[in-house]
Amino acid sequence: MKIAINCWILRNKNPDGIGNVIIETIPLLIRNHPELHFMILCDKNFKNFYFDFPNVSHHYIFPPFRHPVLYMWYMDFVLPGFLKKQKADIFVGMDGFISLRSKVPQLGIIHDLNFEHYPKDLPIRNRLYYRFYFKRFACKAKHLLAVSNFTRNDIIKTYQIPAEKISVLTLGAKNVFTALSINEIVHTRDTWSSGQAYFFFVGSMHRRKNIVRLLQAFDAFKIKNQSKTKLILAGNIMWQHAEIKNELQRLQFKNDIIFTGRVPDESLKLLLGSAKALVFVPIFEGFGLPIVEAFQAGVPVICSNTSSMPEVAGDAALLIDPFDINDIAGAMYRIDNNEELQHHLIEKGNVQKLKFNWQNTADELYQAILKTVGV
C-alpha cells in the first residue's frame, strides 16, 4: 500500500499543535509498518529528519502553502496529478485539508472547528477559506478522524456528517515531560521567577487562548491575596500583540508576569515541571495537549470547562468558566493556599495521563487508514 501524508505544516521552524502530532505519530506509524510505503509531502524549507526510514520517500510541495490562494492551487490542481502519477492508495490530510478533485480515497484529520464558532479569532483571509472549504473537505473525505469526542460531535452537528464516518484519534504527551527533582525546581525558579513559585501557561497565543482574561484574573488574584506567586507564559504571541500589551500596562502586578517567548522542549520541560500549576483557560480547544503534558509532568491543572477540555482533564483538574475572571482567580487562590489539593490533583493526573499515549494514536491512525481504503 502507498500512503501519501501531507506534512506541509512542518517547515524549518519549531512545530506547534498539529506539527507536534505529526512528529510524534507518523514516525511510529512508519516504524510499525515496514511493509507499507509512505510518501511524505513537505514544504521545501523542511530540513529535519523525522521520517528517515527505508520505506519513506519525501516529496516537496510546490507551490508552498503560504496563502489561501496557494492552498487552493495545490490541493485542487497539483495534488490530484501527484496522487495519480504516484499511484497512491490513500491521501492523509493531517490538518484536515484534502483535495476536492482527486479520486483517491482520502482521510482527513480535523483538530477543531474554532473558525466556525469564533471566526473573528482568525485573519479574514484564513477565516473565509476555512469556513468555505472545511465543510466541503469533511463531505468529500471517505473517512474522518477527530481528536476528541467533543470535536467528533461538533463535526456531526455543524456539518451534518454521518456519525459512522468519523472516528476519534486520541492524542498523547511527549516523553520529555516528567516530574522534576527539588533541585531542578529550585534552579528553574531561580532562573525564571527570582526564586518564586509561579502559575504557568504554554501555547501559541491566539485570541482563543484567552490571554487577556488570564492576565486580568492573575491581577485580581494578586490584589486579593497578596501572594508572591508569579505568572509565566511561554509561547509566541500571534495576532493580538497590541491587545495583550495594552492590557498588561493597566495591571497593578504586571511586574510579576513574565513572557518567555517560545522556548525549546528542554526548557519547557523545566518550566512546566517547576510550576505551582498549569493555568490553561482557552475559550475553545479541539483537544488541549498542555493539559496532558502537565499530568505527565506531575503538575496540578486549572483548565476551562468548555469544548474538549473537561473530556481531556476528567476529574484531575479544577474546571473554571473561561469567561469569568473571578472564577479563574478563585481557582488560583485554591491552588496557591492548599498543598493537600495540589497533591490530590497530581495523583488524579497520574491516573488520567494513562489514557493518552502516542503509540495508541499511531494504532488508531492505522485502523482509520485501513477503513478508508476499505481493507
Protein backbone atom coordinates (compact mmCIF):
# COMPACT_ATOMS: atom_id res chain seq x y z
CA MET A 1 0.00 0.00 0.00
CA LYS A 2 1.23 3.51 -0.88
CA ILE A 3 0.19 6.14 1.66
CA ALA A 4 0.61 9.86 0.93
CA ILE A 5 0.67 12.05 4.05
CA ASN A 6 0.51 15.81 3.89
CA CYS A 7 3.05 17.26 6.36
CA TRP A 8 3.35 20.73 4.81
CA ILE A 9 2.81 22.36 8.20
CA LEU A 10 6.33 21.23 9.16
CA ARG A 11 8.65 23.93 7.94
CA ASN A 12 12.15 24.78 9.14
CA LYS A 13 10.86 26.07 12.46
CA ASN A 14 9.77 24.80 15.83
CA PRO A 15 6.43 22.98 15.47
CA ASP A 16 3.22 23.72 17.34
CA GLY A 17 -0.04 21.83 17.77
CA ILE A 18 -0.64 19.83 14.60
CA GLY A 19 3.09 19.78 13.87
CA ASN A 20 3.74 18.02 17.18
CA VAL A 21 1.01 15.48 16.43
CA ILE A 22 2.73 14.69 13.11
CA ILE A 23 6.20 14.42 14.65
CA GLU A 24 5.04 12.14 17.44
CA THR A 25 2.64 9.92 15.47
CA ILE A 26 3.89 9.45 11.91
CA PRO A 27 7.37 8.01 12.74
CA LEU A 28 5.66 5.42 14.96
CA LEU A 29 3.22 4.55 12.18
CA ILE A 30 6.07 4.18 9.68
CA ARG A 31 8.22 2.11 12.04
CA ASN A 32 5.31 -0.17 12.93
CA HIS A 33 4.53 -0.93 9.26
CA PRO A 34 7.69 -1.56 7.21
CA GLU A 35 5.54 -3.41 4.67
CA LEU A 36 3.92 -0.13 3.60
CA HIS A 37 5.39 2.73 1.57
CA PHE A 38 4.88 6.25 2.92
CA MET A 39 5.13 9.36 0.74
CA ILE A 40 5.73 12.41 2.95
CA LEU A 41 4.62 15.65 1.32
CA CYS A 42 6.56 18.51 2.91
CA ASP A 43 7.50 22.13 2.49
CA LYS A 44 10.70 22.93 0.60
CA ASN A 45 12.12 24.52 3.78
CA PHE A 46 11.66 21.31 5.77
CA LYS A 47 15.18 20.13 6.71
CA ASN A 48 14.61 17.80 9.66
CA PHE A 49 14.81 14.03 9.55
CA TYR A 50 11.83 12.70 11.49
CA PHE A 51 10.91 10.37 8.65
CA ASP A 52 14.21 8.85 7.58
CA PHE A 53 13.14 5.24 7.15
CA PRO A 54 13.72 2.82 4.25
CA ASN A 55 10.00 2.73 3.42
CA VAL A 56 9.67 6.55 3.08
CA SER A 57 10.04 8.94 0.14
CA HIS A 58 10.00 12.72 0.53
CA HIS A 59 8.14 14.94 -1.91
CA TYR A 60 8.38 18.73 -1.75
CA ILE A 61 5.28 20.85 -2.17
CA PHE A 62 5.07 23.43 -4.92
CA PRO A 63 3.61 25.95 -4.70
CA PRO A 64 4.35 26.27 -0.96
CA PHE A 65 1.45 26.75 1.45
CA ARG A 66 1.75 30.41 2.33
CA HIS A 67 -1.67 31.83 1.43
CA PRO A 68 -5.24 30.52 0.92
CA VAL A 69 -4.93 31.05 -2.86
CA LEU A 70 -1.91 28.73 -2.85
CA TYR A 71 -3.82 26.24 -0.68
CA MET A 72 -6.48 26.03 -3.37
CA TRP A 73 -4.00 25.75 -6.22
CA TYR A 74 -2.05 22.97 -4.57
CA MET A 75 -4.94 20.90 -3.20
CA ASP A 76 -7.12 21.05 -6.30
CA PHE A 77 -4.65 21.23 -9.18
CA VAL A 78 -1.23 19.95 -8.11
CA LEU A 79 -2.16 17.21 -5.63
CA PRO A 80 -4.61 15.22 -7.81
CA GLY A 81 -1.96 14.83 -10.52
CA PHE A 82 0.67 13.83 -7.97
CA LEU A 83 -1.52 11.17 -6.37
CA LYS A 84 -2.48 9.74 -9.77
CA LYS A 85 1.12 9.66 -11.03
CA GLN A 86 2.43 8.04 -7.85
CA LYS A 87 -0.47 5.54 -7.79
CA ALA A 88 -1.24 6.41 -4.18
CA ASP A 89 -3.79 4.21 -2.43
CA ILE A 90 -4.77 6.88 0.09
CA PHE A 91 -4.12 10.52 0.98
CA VAL A 92 -3.99 11.52 4.65
CA GLY A 93 -4.62 15.19 5.44
CA MET A 94 -3.07 15.63 8.88
CA ASP A 95 -4.56 19.13 9.16
CA GLY A 96 -7.95 18.34 7.60
CA PHE A 97 -7.02 19.70 4.15
CA ILE A 98 -7.86 17.32 1.30
CA SER A 99 -8.35 17.59 -2.46
CA LEU A 100 -11.84 18.13 -3.77
CA ARG A 101 -10.80 16.93 -7.22
CA SER A 102 -8.84 13.75 -6.55
CA LYS A 103 -10.49 10.32 -6.90
CA VAL A 104 -8.02 8.72 -4.47
CA PRO A 105 -9.60 7.73 -1.10
CA GLN A 106 -8.84 10.46 1.45
CA LEU A 107 -8.66 10.54 5.25
CA GLY A 108 -8.97 13.95 6.91
CA ILE A 109 -7.95 14.69 10.49
CA ILE A 110 -9.92 17.61 11.94
CA HIS A 111 -8.50 19.12 15.12
CA ASP A 112 -11.24 21.66 15.83
CA LEU A 113 -13.86 23.91 14.27
CA ASN A 114 -12.91 27.04 16.17
CA PHE A 115 -13.17 29.07 12.94
CA GLU A 116 -16.88 28.17 12.73
CA HIS A 117 -17.69 29.26 16.27
CA TYR A 118 -15.24 32.16 16.73
CA PRO A 119 -14.42 33.29 13.18
CA LYS A 120 -13.07 36.68 14.26
CA ASP A 121 -10.19 34.92 16.03
CA LEU A 122 -8.55 34.40 12.61
CA PRO A 123 -7.27 36.83 9.98
CA ILE A 124 -10.02 37.37 7.45
CA ARG A 125 -8.37 35.52 4.53
CA ASN A 126 -7.87 32.36 6.61
CA ARG A 127 -11.34 32.68 8.11
CA LEU A 128 -13.02 32.87 4.72
CA TYR A 129 -11.01 29.96 3.36
CA TYR A 130 -11.68 27.63 6.29
CA ARG A 131 -15.38 28.43 6.52
CA PHE A 132 -15.87 27.94 2.78
CA TYR A 133 -13.79 24.77 2.35
CA PHE A 134 -13.78 22.70 5.52
CA LYS A 135 -17.37 21.53 5.24
CA ARG A 136 -16.58 20.51 1.68
CA PHE A 137 -13.45 18.68 2.86
CA ALA A 138 -15.47 16.84 5.51
CA CYS A 139 -18.09 15.78 2.98
CA LYS A 140 -15.54 14.75 0.35
CA ALA A 141 -13.30 12.66 2.65
CA LYS A 142 -14.07 8.96 2.68
CA HIS A 143 -13.37 8.90 6.42
CA LEU A 144 -12.61 11.48 9.11
CA LEU A 145 -10.71 11.49 12.37
CA ALA A 146 -11.47 13.92 15.19
CA VAL A 147 -9.03 14.44 18.07
CA SER A 148 -11.72 14.24 20.78
CA ASN A 149 -15.30 13.12 21.21
CA PHE A 150 -16.20 16.79 21.56
CA THR A 151 -14.72 17.57 18.13
CA ARG A 152 -16.38 14.50 16.61
CA ASN A 153 -19.78 15.61 17.88
CA ASP A 154 -19.09 19.17 16.75
CA ILE A 155 -18.38 17.97 13.20
CA ILE A 156 -21.53 15.86 13.17
CA LYS A 157 -23.69 18.74 14.36
CA THR A 158 -22.06 21.61 12.45
CA TYR A 159 -21.55 19.86 9.10
CA GLN A 160 -24.31 17.21 9.31
CA ILE A 161 -21.76 14.43 8.72
CA PRO A 162 -22.95 10.85 9.46
CA ALA A 163 -21.58 9.64 12.80
CA GLU A 164 -20.28 6.37 11.30
CA LYS A 165 -17.96 8.36 9.03
CA ILE A 166 -15.97 9.82 11.95
CA SER A 167 -13.61 8.05 14.37
CA VAL A 168 -11.73 9.53 17.33
CA LEU A 169 -7.93 9.89 17.28
CA THR A 170 -6.75 10.12 20.89
CA LEU A 171 -3.55 12.16 21.28
CA GLY A 172 -0.65 11.80 23.73
CA ALA A 173 2.08 13.75 25.51
CA LYS A 174 5.80 13.95 24.79
CA ASN A 175 8.01 11.72 26.90
CA VAL A 176 10.15 14.75 27.68
CA PHE A 177 7.64 15.82 30.35
CA THR A 178 8.35 14.16 33.70
CA ALA A 179 8.19 15.09 37.38
CA LEU A 180 11.28 17.06 38.43
CA SER A 181 13.58 16.84 41.42
CA ILE A 182 13.54 19.52 44.12
CA ASN A 183 16.94 20.76 42.90
CA GLU A 184 15.64 21.14 39.34
CA ILE A 185 12.60 23.05 40.56
CA VAL A 186 14.68 25.40 42.72
CA HIS A 187 17.15 26.05 39.90
CA THR A 188 14.37 26.69 37.38
CA ARG A 189 12.58 29.13 39.68
CA ASP A 190 15.85 30.91 40.44
CA THR A 191 16.42 31.24 36.68
CA TRP A 192 12.98 32.39 35.58
CA SER A 193 10.99 33.82 38.50
CA SER A 194 13.51 35.18 41.01
CA GLY A 195 13.09 32.08 43.13
CA GLN A 196 9.31 32.44 43.50
CA ALA A 197 6.60 29.90 42.76
CA TYR A 198 4.55 30.61 39.62
CA PHE A 199 1.50 29.67 37.63
CA PHE A 200 2.25 28.64 34.07
CA PHE A 201 0.63 28.90 30.65
CA VAL A 202 2.01 27.41 27.44
CA GLY A 203 0.73 27.71 23.89
CA SER A 204 0.71 29.86 20.80
CA MET A 205 -1.19 32.92 21.93
CA HIS A 206 -4.10 33.16 19.53
CA ARG A 207 -7.12 35.13 20.67
CA ARG A 208 -8.96 31.93 21.58
CA LYS A 209 -6.30 31.19 24.20
CA ASN A 210 -7.96 33.88 26.34
CA ILE A 211 -4.70 35.53 27.40
CA VAL A 212 -6.22 38.91 28.28
CA ARG A 213 -8.66 37.38 30.77
CA LEU A 214 -5.88 35.20 32.17
CA LEU A 215 -3.81 38.33 32.87
CA GLN A 216 -6.79 40.09 34.42
CA ALA A 217 -7.56 37.06 36.60
CA PHE A 218 -3.97 36.85 37.81
CA ASP A 219 -4.03 40.53 38.74
CA ALA A 220 -7.31 40.02 40.63
CA PHE A 221 -5.78 37.04 42.43
CA LYS A 222 -2.75 39.11 43.49
CA ILE A 223 -4.78 42.11 44.61
CA LYS A 224 -6.99 39.99 46.84
CA ASN A 225 -4.36 37.67 48.32
CA GLN A 226 -1.01 39.50 48.28
CA SER A 227 0.65 36.24 47.22
CA LYS A 228 4.27 36.17 46.00
CA THR A 229 3.34 33.70 43.26
CA LYS A 230 4.11 34.91 39.75
CA LEU A 231 2.71 34.08 36.29
CA ILE A 232 4.87 32.80 33.42
CA LEU A 233 3.57 32.49 29.85
CA ALA A 234 5.57 30.56 27.24
CA GLY A 235 4.83 30.73 23.51
CA ASN A 236 4.60 33.12 20.61
CA ILE A 237 2.03 35.92 20.67
CA MET A 238 0.13 35.59 17.40
CA TRP A 239 -2.43 38.19 16.30
CA GLN A 240 -3.26 40.20 19.40
CA HIS A 241 0.10 41.61 20.47
CA ALA A 242 -1.19 45.16 20.95
CA GLU A 243 -4.24 43.95 22.87
CA ILE A 244 -2.09 41.96 25.30
CA LYS A 245 0.49 44.73 25.63
CA ASN A 246 -2.15 47.36 26.36
CA GLU A 247 -3.86 45.19 28.97
CA LEU A 248 -0.53 44.38 30.62
CA GLN A 249 0.20 48.08 31.14
CA ARG A 250 -3.06 48.51 33.07
CA LEU A 251 -2.35 45.77 35.59
CA GLN A 252 -1.22 46.50 39.12
CA PHE A 253 1.02 43.43 39.27
CA LYS A 254 2.41 43.49 35.74
CA ASN A 255 5.95 43.09 37.11
CA ASP A 256 5.01 39.62 38.35
CA ILE A 257 4.05 38.48 34.83
CA ILE A 258 6.82 37.00 32.68
CA PHE A 259 6.59 36.31 28.93
CA THR A 260 9.35 33.93 27.84
CA GLY A 261 8.51 33.73 24.15
CA ARG A 262 8.88 30.34 22.54
CA VAL A 263 11.27 28.01 24.40
CA PRO A 264 12.84 24.66 23.36
CA ASP A 265 11.47 21.41 24.74
CA GLU A 266 14.17 21.04 27.38
CA SER A 267 13.40 24.47 28.82
CA LEU A 268 9.68 23.83 28.53
CA LYS A 269 10.08 20.61 30.49
CA LEU A 270 11.71 22.57 33.32
CA LEU A 271 9.25 25.47 33.21
CA LEU A 272 6.18 23.26 33.25
CA GLY A 273 7.56 20.80 35.79
CA SER A 274 8.50 23.60 38.21
CA ALA A 275 5.13 25.36 38.11
CA LYS A 276 2.73 25.52 41.03
CA ALA A 277 0.01 24.77 38.47
CA LEU A 278 -0.76 24.94 34.77
CA VAL A 279 -3.43 27.58 34.15
CA PHE A 280 -4.85 26.76 30.73
CA VAL A 281 -8.06 28.68 30.10
CA PRO A 282 -8.79 28.89 26.36
CA ILE A 283 -12.29 29.60 25.17
CA PHE A 284 -12.16 26.73 22.69
CA GLU A 285 -9.91 23.70 22.15
CA GLY A 286 -10.20 20.63 19.95
CA PHE A 287 -8.08 18.67 22.43
CA GLY A 288 -5.75 20.65 24.74
CA LEU A 289 -2.33 18.96 24.75
CA PRO A 290 -0.86 21.11 27.57
CA ILE A 291 -3.34 19.52 29.99
CA VAL A 292 -1.93 16.04 29.33
CA GLU A 293 1.62 17.38 29.37
CA ALA A 294 1.01 18.84 32.83
CA PHE A 295 -0.31 15.48 34.04
CA GLN A 296 2.84 13.90 32.66
CA ALA A 297 4.96 16.49 34.48
CA GLY A 298 3.21 15.92 37.81
CA VAL A 299 1.75 19.44 37.97
CA PRO A 300 -1.78 20.46 39.10
CA VAL A 301 -4.08 21.78 36.38
CA ILE A 302 -6.60 24.59 36.18
CA CYS A 303 -8.43 24.50 32.85
CA SER A 304 -11.60 25.65 31.11
CA ASN A 305 -14.91 23.86 31.40
CA THR A 306 -15.65 24.39 27.69
CA SER A 307 -15.28 22.37 24.47
CA SER A 308 -12.96 19.32 24.75
CA MET A 309 -11.13 20.27 27.94
CA PRO A 310 -13.41 18.57 30.50
CA GLU A 311 -13.13 15.40 28.41
CA VAL A 312 -9.32 15.51 28.45
CA ALA A 313 -8.99 16.61 32.08
CA GLY A 314 -11.55 14.22 33.57
CA ASP A 315 -11.67 14.66 37.35
CA ALA A 316 -7.97 15.57 37.53
CA ALA A 317 -8.26 19.37 37.17
CA LEU A 318 -10.04 22.39 38.59
CA LEU A 319 -12.52 23.36 35.85
CA ILE A 320 -13.39 27.04 35.51
CA ASP A 321 -15.54 29.27 33.33
CA PRO A 322 -13.02 30.93 30.95
CA PHE A 323 -15.29 33.96 30.55
CA ASP A 324 -15.36 34.60 34.33
CA ILE A 325 -12.24 36.38 35.60
CA ASN A 326 -13.25 35.82 39.24
CA ASP A 327 -13.67 32.09 38.65
CA ILE A 328 -10.15 31.84 37.21
CA ALA A 329 -8.72 33.94 40.06
CA GLY A 330 -10.59 31.83 42.62
CA ALA A 331 -9.04 28.62 41.25
CA MET A 332 -5.60 30.21 41.51
CA TYR A 333 -6.32 31.06 45.14
CA ARG A 334 -7.46 27.50 45.92
CA ILE A 335 -4.28 26.02 44.43
CA ASP A 336 -1.96 28.64 45.92
CA ASN A 337 -3.05 28.02 49.50
CA ASN A 338 -3.73 24.30 49.60
CA GLU A 339 -0.93 21.75 49.34
CA GLU A 340 -3.39 18.94 50.03
CA LEU A 341 -5.40 19.96 46.95
CA GLN A 342 -2.22 20.18 44.89
CA HIS A 343 -1.24 16.62 45.83
CA HIS A 344 -4.78 15.37 45.21
CA LEU A 345 -4.80 16.82 41.68
CA ILE A 346 -1.35 15.43 40.93
CA GLU A 347 -2.47 11.94 41.98
CA LYS A 348 -5.58 12.22 39.80
CA GLY A 349 -3.42 13.44 36.92
CA ASN A 350 -1.15 10.41 37.25
CA VAL A 351 -4.19 8.23 36.59
CA GLN A 352 -5.72 10.37 33.84
CA LYS A 353 -2.47 10.57 31.85
CA LEU A 354 -2.52 6.81 31.25
CA LYS A 355 -5.37 7.33 28.77
CA PHE A 356 -3.10 9.23 26.40
CA ASN A 357 -0.03 7.93 24.54
CA TRP A 358 1.31 8.29 21.03
CA GLN A 359 1.51 4.56 20.33
CA ASN A 360 -2.26 4.36 20.69
CA THR A 361 -2.54 7.38 18.39
CA ALA A 362 -0.45 5.65 15.72
CA ASP A 363 -2.52 2.45 16.05
CA GLU A 364 -5.80 4.36 15.76
CA LEU A 365 -4.49 6.21 12.70
CA TYR A 366 -3.54 2.91 11.04
CA GLN A 367 -7.01 1.47 11.67
CA ALA A 368 -8.55 4.58 10.12
CA ILE A 369 -6.29 4.19 7.07
CA LEU A 370 -7.50 0.61 6.62
CA LYS A 371 -11.10 1.75 6.98
CA THR A 372 -10.56 4.49 4.40
CA VAL A 373 -9.11 2.16 1.75
CA GLY A 374 -11.75 -0.46 2.50
CA VAL A 375 -9.49 -3.17 3.93
